């Protein structure tokens, strides 16, 4: 039996994409100091595979941690290394 791979209904295994959008590490470190509440940010690490890749910063907990609201996930504590400006 020969497998016909040209058929449109042929199942292909999906691959996870790399969600690391950081381009310049120095640029991200500089931006980390300027975050404000009520700002949308891009998540570099998703809390679960079904959540959005963006979050709304609600309030800072410390210099490096924020409480954020993530659509389809809810509130979460994120560190400044886990997100960047959109």
PDB file of N, CA and C in Angstrom:
ATOM      1  N   UNK A   1       0.846  -1.175   0.000  1.00  0.00           N
ATOM      2  CA  UNK A   1       0.000   0.000   0.000  1.00  0.00           C
ATOM      3  C   UNK A   1       0.885   1.229   0.000  1.00  0.00           C
ATOM      4  N   UNK A   2       0.575   2.178  -0.864  1.00  0.00           N
ATOM      5  CA  UNK A   2       1.345   3.407  -0.961  1.00  0.00           C
ATOM      6  C   UNK A   2       0.557   4.544  -0.309  1.00  0.00           C
ATOM      7  N   UNK A   3       1.241   5.363   0.483  1.00  0.00           N
ATOM      8  CA  UNK A   3       0.619   6.490   1.166  1.00  0.00           C
ATOM      9  C   UNK A   3       0.639   7.705   0.256  1.00  0.00           C
ATOM     10  N   UNK A   4      -0.527   8.294   0.007  1.00  0.00           N
ATOM     11  CA  UNK A   4      -0.631   9.466  -0.864  1.00  0.00           C
ATOM     12  C   UNK A   4      -0.614  10.722  -0.006  1.00  0.00           C
ATOM     13  N   UNK A   5       0.511  11.434   0.031  1.00  0.00           N
ATOM     14  CA  UNK A   5       0.668  12.631   0.860  1.00  0.00           C
ATOM     15  C   UNK A   5       0.107  13.883   0.196  1.00  0.00           C
ATOM     16  N   UNK A   6      -0.295  13.808  -1.042  1.00  0.00           N
ATOM     17  CA  UNK A   6      -0.780  14.995  -1.740  1.00  0.00           C
ATOM     18  C   UNK A   6      -2.263  15.243  -1.506  1.00  0.00           C
ATOM     19  N   UNK A   7      -2.940  14.328  -0.859  1.00  0.00           N
ATOM     20  CA  UNK A   7      -4.366  14.504  -0.590  1.00  0.00           C
ATOM     21  C   UNK A   7      -4.581  15.627   0.425  1.00  0.00           C
ATOM     22  N   UNK A   8      -5.578  16.500   0.240  1.00  0.00           N
ATOM     23  CA  UNK A   8      -5.800  17.621   1.148  1.00  0.00           C
ATOM     24  C   UNK A   8      -6.237  17.205   2.549  1.00  0.00           C
ATOM     25  N   UNK A   9      -6.799  16.010   2.704  1.00  0.00           N
ATOM     26  CA  UNK A   9      -7.255  15.585   4.021  1.00  0.00           C
ATOM     27  C   UNK A   9      -6.203  14.761   4.765  1.00  0.00           C
ATOM     28  N   UNK A  10      -4.974  14.774   4.270  1.00  0.00           N
ATOM     29  CA  UNK A  10      -3.884  14.043   4.895  1.00  0.00           C
ATOM     30  C   UNK A  10      -3.512  14.721   6.214  1.00  0.00           C
ATOM     31  N   UNK A  11      -3.484  13.974   7.298  1.00  0.00           N
ATOM     32  CA  UNK A  11      -3.187  14.534   8.615  1.00  0.00           C
ATOM     33  C   UNK A  11      -1.702  14.823   8.760  1.00  0.00           C
ATOM     34  N   UNK A  12      -1.393  16.005   9.247  1.00  0.00           N
ATOM     35  CA  UNK A  12      -0.014  16.412   9.483  1.00  0.00           C
ATOM     36  C   UNK A  12       0.122  16.768  10.954  1.00  0.00           C
ATOM     37  N   UNK A  13       1.155  16.279  11.576  1.00  0.00           N
ATOM     38  CA  UNK A  13       1.368  16.576  12.980  1.00  0.00           C
ATOM     39  C   UNK A  13       1.779  18.037  13.129  1.00  0.00           C
ATOM     40  N   UNK A  14       1.103  18.755  14.040  1.00  0.00           N
ATOM     41  CA  UNK A  14       1.427  20.165  14.246  1.00  0.00           C
ATOM     42  C   UNK A  14       2.646  20.283  15.150  1.00  0.00           C
ATOM     43  N   UNK A  15       3.349  21.367  14.992  1.00  0.00           N
ATOM     44  CA  UNK A  15       4.522  21.634  15.818  1.00  0.00           C
ATOM     45  C   UNK A  15       4.273  22.880  16.652  1.00  0.00           C
ATOM     46  N   UNK A  16       4.842  22.902  17.841  1.00  0.00           N
ATOM     47  CA  UNK A  16       4.747  24.092  18.668  1.00  0.00           C
ATOM     48  C   UNK A  16       5.661  25.160  18.081  1.00  0.00           C
ATOM     49  N   UNK A  17       5.141  26.374  18.039  1.00  0.00           N
ATOM     50  CA  UNK A  17       5.978  27.458  17.547  1.00  0.00           C
ATOM     51  C   UNK A  17       6.732  28.094  18.700  1.00  0.00           C
ATOM     52  N   UNK A  18       7.867  28.626  18.403  1.00  0.00           N
ATOM     53  CA  UNK A  18       8.672  29.301  19.402  1.00  0.00           C
ATOM     54  C   UNK A  18       8.061  30.672  19.664  1.00  0.00           C
ATOM     55  N   UNK A  19       7.639  30.935  20.895  1.00  0.00           N
ATOM     56  CA  UNK A  19       6.968  32.185  21.226  1.00  0.00           C
ATOM     57  C   UNK A  19       7.929  33.219  21.803  1.00  0.00           C
ATOM     58  N   UNK A  20       9.197  33.070  21.536  1.00  0.00           N
ATOM     59  CA  UNK A  20      10.176  34.032  22.040  1.00  0.00           C
ATOM     60  C   UNK A  20      10.317  35.163  21.028  1.00  0.00           C
ATOM     61  N   UNK A  21       9.667  36.290  21.319  1.00  0.00           N
ATOM     62  CA  UNK A  21       9.699  37.429  20.411  1.00  0.00           C
ATOM     63  C   UNK A  21      10.804  38.414  20.762  1.00  0.00           C
ATOM     64  N   UNK A  22      11.598  38.147  21.782  1.00  0.00           N
ATOM     65  CA  UNK A  22      12.622  39.097  22.195  1.00  0.00           C
ATOM     66  C   UNK A  22      13.684  39.209  21.111  1.00  0.00           C
ATOM     67  N   UNK A  23      13.964  40.440  20.739  1.00  0.00           N
ATOM     68  CA  UNK A  23      14.937  40.677  19.685  1.00  0.00           C
ATOM     69  C   UNK A  23      16.246  41.199  20.240  1.00  0.00           C
ATOM     70  N   UNK A  24      16.147  42.028  21.240  1.00  0.00           N
ATOM     71  CA  UNK A  24      17.353  42.607  21.799  1.00  0.00           C
ATOM     72  C   UNK A  24      17.242  42.566  23.317  1.00  0.00           C
ATOM     73  N   UNK A  25      18.068  41.772  23.947  1.00  0.00           N
ATOM     74  CA  UNK A  25      17.987  41.583  25.390  1.00  0.00           C
ATOM     75  C   UNK A  25      18.181  42.892  26.138  1.00  0.00           C
ATOM     76  N   UNK A  26      19.079  43.738  25.678  1.00  0.00           N
ATOM     77  CA  UNK A  26      19.320  45.020  26.339  1.00  0.00           C
ATOM     78  C   UNK A  26      18.089  45.904  26.248  1.00  0.00           C
ATOM     79  N   UNK A  27      17.441  45.927  25.098  1.00  0.00           N
ATOM     80  CA  UNK A  27      16.233  46.736  24.911  1.00  0.00           C
ATOM     81  C   UNK A  27      15.141  46.315  25.880  1.00  0.00           C
ATOM     82  N   UNK A  28      14.980  45.016  26.096  1.00  0.00           N
ATOM     83  CA  UNK A  28      13.958  44.514  27.008  1.00  0.00           C
ATOM     84  C   UNK A  28      14.280  44.927  28.439  1.00  0.00           C
ATOM     85  N   UNK A  29      15.544  44.856  28.852  1.00  0.00           N
ATOM     86  CA  UNK A  29      15.917  45.244  30.209  1.00  0.00           C
ATOM     87  C   UNK A  29      15.654  46.727  30.448  1.00  0.00           C
ATOM     88  N   UNK A  30      15.883  47.565  29.446  1.00  0.00           N
ATOM     89  CA  UNK A  30      15.614  48.996  29.588  1.00  0.00           C
ATOM     90  C   UNK A  30      14.113  49.233  29.720  1.00  0.00           C
ATOM     91  N   UNK A  31      13.303  48.539  28.917  1.00  0.00           N
ATOM     92  CA  UNK A  31      11.860  48.712  28.948  1.00  0.00           C
ATOM     93  C   UNK A  31      11.244  48.218  30.245  1.00  0.00           C
ATOM     94  N   UNK A  32      11.856  47.267  30.912  1.00  0.00           N
ATOM     95  CA  UNK A  32      11.290  46.688  32.122  1.00  0.00           C
ATOM     96  C   UNK A  32      11.078  47.739  33.204  1.00  0.00           C
ATOM     97  N   UNK A  33      11.848  48.782  33.200  1.00  0.00           N
ATOM     98  CA  UNK A  33      11.767  49.786  34.237  1.00  0.00           C
ATOM     99  C   UNK A  33      10.638  50.784  33.994  1.00  0.00           C
ATOM    100  N   UNK A  34      10.019  50.784  32.814  1.00  0.00           N
ATOM    101  CA  UNK A  34       9.048  51.806  32.455  1.00  0.00           C
ATOM    102  C   UNK A  34       7.627  51.286  32.310  1.00  0.00           C
ATOM    103  N   UNK A  35       7.253  50.182  32.914  1.00  0.00           N
ATOM    104  CA  UNK A  35       5.903  49.662  32.790  1.00  0.00           C
ATOM    105  C   UNK A  35       4.950  50.445  33.677  1.00  0.00           C
ATOM    106  N   UNK A  36       3.699  50.565  33.219  1.00  0.00           N
ATOM    107  CA  UNK A  36       2.674  51.264  33.985  1.00  0.00           C
ATOM    108  C   UNK A  36       1.421  50.397  34.033  1.00  0.00           C
ATOM    109  N   UNK A  37       0.603  50.636  35.046  1.00  0.00           N
ATOM    110  CA  UNK A  37      -0.664  49.922  35.153  1.00  0.00           C
ATOM    111  C   UNK A  37      -1.563  50.267  33.971  1.00  0.00           C
ATOM    112  N   UNK A  38      -2.485  49.376  33.646  1.00  0.00           N
ATOM    113  CA  UNK A  38      -3.439  49.523  32.539  1.00  0.00           C
ATOM    114  C   UNK A  38      -2.752  49.531  31.182  1.00  0.00           C
ATOM    115  N   UNK A  39      -1.620  48.817  31.073  1.00  0.00           N
ATOM    116  CA  UNK A  39      -0.884  48.693  29.821  1.00  0.00           C
ATOM    117  C   UNK A  39      -0.966  47.252  29.341  1.00  0.00           C
ATOM    118  N   UNK A  40      -1.239  47.060  28.047  1.00  0.00           N
ATOM    119  CA  UNK A  40      -1.232  45.725  27.460  1.00  0.00           C
ATOM    120  C   UNK A  40       0.189  45.353  27.096  1.00  0.00           C
ATOM    121  N   UNK A  41       0.573  44.124  27.418  1.00  0.00           N
ATOM    122  CA  UNK A  41       1.917  43.626  27.128  1.00  0.00           C
ATOM    123  C   UNK A  41       1.816  42.278  26.422  1.00  0.00           C
ATOM    124  N   UNK A  42       2.880  41.901  25.715  1.00  0.00           N
ATOM    125  CA  UNK A  42       2.961  40.604  25.037  1.00  0.00           C
ATOM    126  C   UNK A  42       3.646  39.622  25.980  1.00  0.00           C
ATOM    127  N   UNK A  43       3.004  38.474  26.215  1.00  0.00           N
ATOM    128  CA  UNK A  43       3.588  37.462  27.093  1.00  0.00           C
ATOM    129  C   UNK A  43       4.613  36.636  26.329  1.00  0.00           C
ATOM    130  N   UNK A  44       5.749  36.423  26.937  1.00  0.00           N
ATOM    131  CA  UNK A  44       6.784  35.573  26.356  1.00  0.00           C
ATOM    132  C   UNK A  44       6.623  34.131  26.823  1.00  0.00           C
ATOM    133  N   UNK A  45       5.916  33.944  27.951  1.00  0.00           N
ATOM    134  CA  UNK A  45       5.615  32.619  28.492  1.00  0.00           C
ATOM    135  C   UNK A  45       4.123  32.559  28.767  1.00  0.00           C
ATOM    136  N   UNK A  46       3.428  31.605  28.171  1.00  0.00           N
ATOM    137  CA  UNK A  46       1.989  31.478  28.379  1.00  0.00           C
ATOM    138  C   UNK A  46       1.705  30.680  29.646  1.00  0.00           C
ATOM    139  N   UNK A  47       0.720  31.109  30.456  1.00  0.00           N
ATOM    140  CA  UNK A  47       0.391  30.358  31.673  1.00  0.00           C
ATOM    141  C   UNK A  47      -0.263  29.015  31.370  1.00  0.00           C
ATOM    142  N   UNK A  48      -0.970  28.929  30.243  1.00  0.00           N
ATOM    143  CA  UNK A  48      -1.515  27.660  29.783  1.00  0.00           C
ATOM    144  C   UNK A  48      -1.660  27.732  28.261  1.00  0.00           C
ATOM    145  N   UNK A  49      -1.742  26.611  27.592  1.00  0.00           N
ATOM    146  CA  UNK A  49      -1.750  26.616  26.121  1.00  0.00           C
ATOM    147  C   UNK A  49      -2.979  27.268  25.507  1.00  0.00           C
ATOM    148  N   UNK A  50      -4.027  27.511  26.283  1.00  0.00           N
ATOM    149  CA  UNK A  50      -5.258  28.066  25.747  1.00  0.00           C
ATOM    150  C   UNK A  50      -5.424  29.552  26.038  1.00  0.00           C
ATOM    151  N   UNK A  51      -4.522  30.150  26.798  1.00  0.00           N
ATOM    152  CA  UNK A  51      -4.641  31.564  27.134  1.00  0.00           C
ATOM    153  C   UNK A  51      -4.109  32.436  25.999  1.00  0.00           C
ATOM    154  N   UNK A  52      -4.491  33.689  26.036  1.00  0.00           N
ATOM    155  CA  UNK A  52      -4.000  34.653  25.056  1.00  0.00           C
ATOM    156  C   UNK A  52      -2.526  34.929  25.301  1.00  0.00           C
ATOM    157  N   UNK A  53      -1.868  35.498  24.306  1.00  0.00           N
ATOM    158  CA  UNK A  53      -0.450  35.830  24.451  1.00  0.00           C
ATOM    159  C   UNK A  53      -0.259  37.295  24.831  1.00  0.00           C
ATOM    160  N   UNK A  54      -1.335  37.942  25.280  1.00  0.00           N
ATOM    161  CA  UNK A  54      -1.265  39.315  25.752  1.00  0.00           C
ATOM    162  C   UNK A  54      -1.896  39.386  27.134  1.00  0.00           C
ATOM    163  N   UNK A  55      -1.481  40.400  27.911  1.00  0.00           N
ATOM    164  CA  UNK A  55      -2.008  40.559  29.265  1.00  0.00           C
ATOM    165  C   UNK A  55      -2.133  42.040  29.579  1.00  0.00           C
ATOM    166  N   UNK A  56      -3.051  42.362  30.471  1.00  0.00           N
ATOM    167  CA  UNK A  56      -3.249  43.732  30.933  1.00  0.00           C
ATOM    168  C   UNK A  56      -2.621  43.855  32.311  1.00  0.00           C
ATOM    169  N   UNK A  57      -1.630  44.728  32.448  1.00  0.00           N
ATOM    170  CA  UNK A  57      -0.994  44.931  33.742  1.00  0.00           C
ATOM    171  C   UNK A  57      -1.949  45.670  34.665  1.00  0.00           C
ATOM    172  N   UNK A  58      -2.156  45.138  35.863  1.00  0.00           N
ATOM    173  CA  UNK A  58      -3.088  45.754  36.809  1.00  0.00           C
ATOM    174  C   UNK A  58      -2.370  46.584  37.855  1.00  0.00           C
ATOM    175  N   UNK A  59      -1.424  45.967  38.568  1.00  0.00           N
ATOM    176  CA  UNK A  59      -0.678  46.724  39.574  1.00  0.00           C
ATOM    177  C   UNK A  59       0.633  46.007  39.891  1.00  0.00           C
ATOM    178  N   UNK A  60       1.652  46.795  40.250  1.00  0.00           N
ATOM    179  CA  UNK A  60       2.941  46.173  40.577  1.00  0.00           C
ATOM    180  C   UNK A  60       2.913  45.579  41.978  1.00  0.00           C
ATOM    181  N   UNK A  61       3.609  44.466  42.132  1.00  0.00           N
ATOM    182  CA  UNK A  61       3.785  43.842  43.449  1.00  0.00           C
ATOM    183  C   UNK A  61       5.153  44.235  43.995  1.00  0.00           C
ATOM    184  N   UNK A  62       6.135  44.207  43.119  1.00  0.00           N
ATOM    185  CA  UNK A  62       7.501  44.592  43.472  1.00  0.00           C
ATOM    186  C   UNK A  62       8.134  45.207  42.227  1.00  0.00           C
ATOM    187  N   UNK A  63       9.409  45.444  42.271  1.00  0.00           N
ATOM    188  CA  UNK A  63      10.110  46.040  41.137  1.00  0.00           C
ATOM    189  C   UNK A  63      10.061  45.127  39.908  1.00  0.00           C
ATOM    190  N   UNK A  64       9.993  43.818  40.115  1.00  0.00           N
ATOM    191  CA  UNK A  64      10.049  42.867  39.012  1.00  0.00           C
ATOM    192  C   UNK A  64       8.795  42.008  38.845  1.00  0.00           C
ATOM    193  N   UNK A  65       7.745  42.248  39.636  1.00  0.00           N
ATOM    194  CA  UNK A  65       6.528  41.444  39.543  1.00  0.00           C
ATOM    195  C   UNK A  65       5.292  42.320  39.407  1.00  0.00           C
ATOM    196  N   UNK A  66       4.336  41.836  38.617  1.00  0.00           N
ATOM    197  CA  UNK A  66       3.076  42.541  38.393  1.00  0.00           C
ATOM    198  C   UNK A  66       1.918  41.553  38.517  1.00  0.00           C
ATOM    199  N   UNK A  67       0.766  42.060  38.934  1.00  0.00           N
ATOM    200  CA  UNK A  67      -0.471  41.303  38.804  1.00  0.00           C
ATOM    201  C   UNK A  67      -1.034  41.696  37.451  1.00  0.00           C
ATOM    202  N   UNK A  68      -1.375  40.702  36.642  1.00  0.00           N
ATOM    203  CA  UNK A  68      -1.868  40.951  35.290  1.00  0.00           C
ATOM    204  C   UNK A  68      -3.133  40.140  35.059  1.00  0.00           C
ATOM    205  N   UNK A  69      -3.995  40.646  34.187  1.00  0.00           N
ATOM    206  CA  UNK A  69      -5.183  39.911  33.765  1.00  0.00           C
ATOM    207  C   UNK A  69      -4.922  39.369  32.376  1.00  0.00           C
ATOM    208  N   UNK A  70      -5.071  38.052  32.216  1.00  0.00           N
ATOM    209  CA  UNK A  70      -4.808  37.381  30.944  1.00  0.00           C
ATOM    210  C   UNK A  70      -6.127  36.797  30.434  1.00  0.00           C
ATOM    211  N   UNK A  71      -6.599  37.232  29.245  1.00  0.00           N
ATOM    212  CA  UNK A  71      -7.843  36.679  28.711  1.00  0.00           C
ATOM    213  C   UNK A  71      -7.775  35.153  28.604  1.00  0.00           C
ATOM    214  N   UNK A  72      -8.866  34.509  28.929  1.00  0.00           N
ATOM    215  CA  UNK A  72      -9.002  33.047  28.940  1.00  0.00           C
ATOM    216  C   UNK A  72      -8.110  32.373  29.977  1.00  0.00           C
ATOM    217  N   UNK A  73      -7.643  33.157  30.963  1.00  0.00           N
ATOM    218  CA  UNK A  73      -6.875  32.578  32.064  1.00  0.00           C
ATOM    219  C   UNK A  73      -7.280  33.215  33.390  1.00  0.00           C
ATOM    220  N   UNK A  74      -7.338  34.527  33.438  1.00  0.00           N
ATOM    221  CA  UNK A  74      -7.668  35.240  34.674  1.00  0.00           C
ATOM    222  C   UNK A  74      -6.462  36.005  35.176  1.00  0.00           C
ATOM    223  N   UNK A  75      -6.466  36.307  36.460  1.00  0.00           N
ATOM    224  CA  UNK A  75      -5.360  37.045  37.053  1.00  0.00           C
ATOM    225  C   UNK A  75      -4.177  36.122  37.299  1.00  0.00           C
ATOM    226  N   UNK A  76      -2.984  36.706  37.158  1.00  0.00           N
ATOM    227  CA  UNK A  76      -1.756  35.940  37.390  1.00  0.00           C
ATOM    228  C   UNK A  76      -0.656  36.896  37.813  1.00  0.00           C
ATOM    229  N   UNK A  77       0.305  36.372  38.526  1.00  0.00           N
ATOM    230  CA  UNK A  77       1.500  37.140  38.864  1.00  0.00           C
ATOM    231  C   UNK A  77       2.536  36.840  37.784  1.00  0.00           C
ATOM    232  N   UNK A  78       3.036  37.898  37.142  1.00  0.00           N
ATOM    233  CA  UNK A  78       4.042  37.738  36.094  1.00  0.00           C
ATOM    234  C   UNK A  78       5.257  38.583  36.442  1.00  0.00           C
ATOM    235  N   UNK A  79       6.410  38.090  36.065  1.00  0.00           N
ATOM    236  CA  UNK A  79       7.629  38.858  36.273  1.00  0.00           C
ATOM    237  C   UNK A  79       7.926  39.663  35.018  1.00  0.00           C
ATOM    238  N   UNK A  80       8.721  40.698  35.157  1.00  0.00           N
ATOM    239  CA  UNK A  80       9.032  41.561  34.012  1.00  0.00           C
ATOM    240  C   UNK A  80       9.828  40.829  32.944  1.00  0.00           C
ATOM    241  N   UNK A  81      10.409  39.684  33.269  1.00  0.00           N
ATOM    242  CA  UNK A  81      11.129  38.886  32.271  1.00  0.00           C
ATOM    243  C   UNK A  81      10.180  38.044  31.426  1.00  0.00           C
ATOM    244  N   UNK A  82       8.907  37.946  31.828  1.00  0.00           N
ATOM    245  CA  UNK A  82       7.940  37.112  31.125  1.00  0.00           C
ATOM    246  C   UNK A  82       7.110  37.883  30.107  1.00  0.00           C
ATOM    247  N   UNK A  83       7.328  39.183  29.971  1.00  0.00           N
ATOM    248  CA  UNK A  83       6.559  39.961  29.011  1.00  0.00           C
ATOM    249  C   UNK A  83       7.375  41.128  28.464  1.00  0.00           C
ATOM    250  N   UNK A  84       6.857  41.726  27.390  1.00  0.00           N
ATOM    251  CA  UNK A  84       7.472  42.917  26.813  1.00  0.00           C
ATOM    252  C   UNK A  84       6.380  43.813  26.286  1.00  0.00           C
ATOM    253  N   UNK A  85       6.716  45.052  26.018  1.00  0.00           N
ATOM    254  CA  UNK A  85       5.761  46.017  25.459  1.00  0.00           C
ATOM    255  C   UNK A  85       5.293  45.589  24.079  1.00  0.00           C
ATOM    256  N   UNK A  86       4.054  45.905  23.785  1.00  0.00           N
ATOM    257  CA  UNK A  86       3.508  45.624  22.448  1.00  0.00           C
ATOM    258  C   UNK A  86       3.881  46.772  21.537  1.00  0.00           C
TER     259      UNK A  86
END
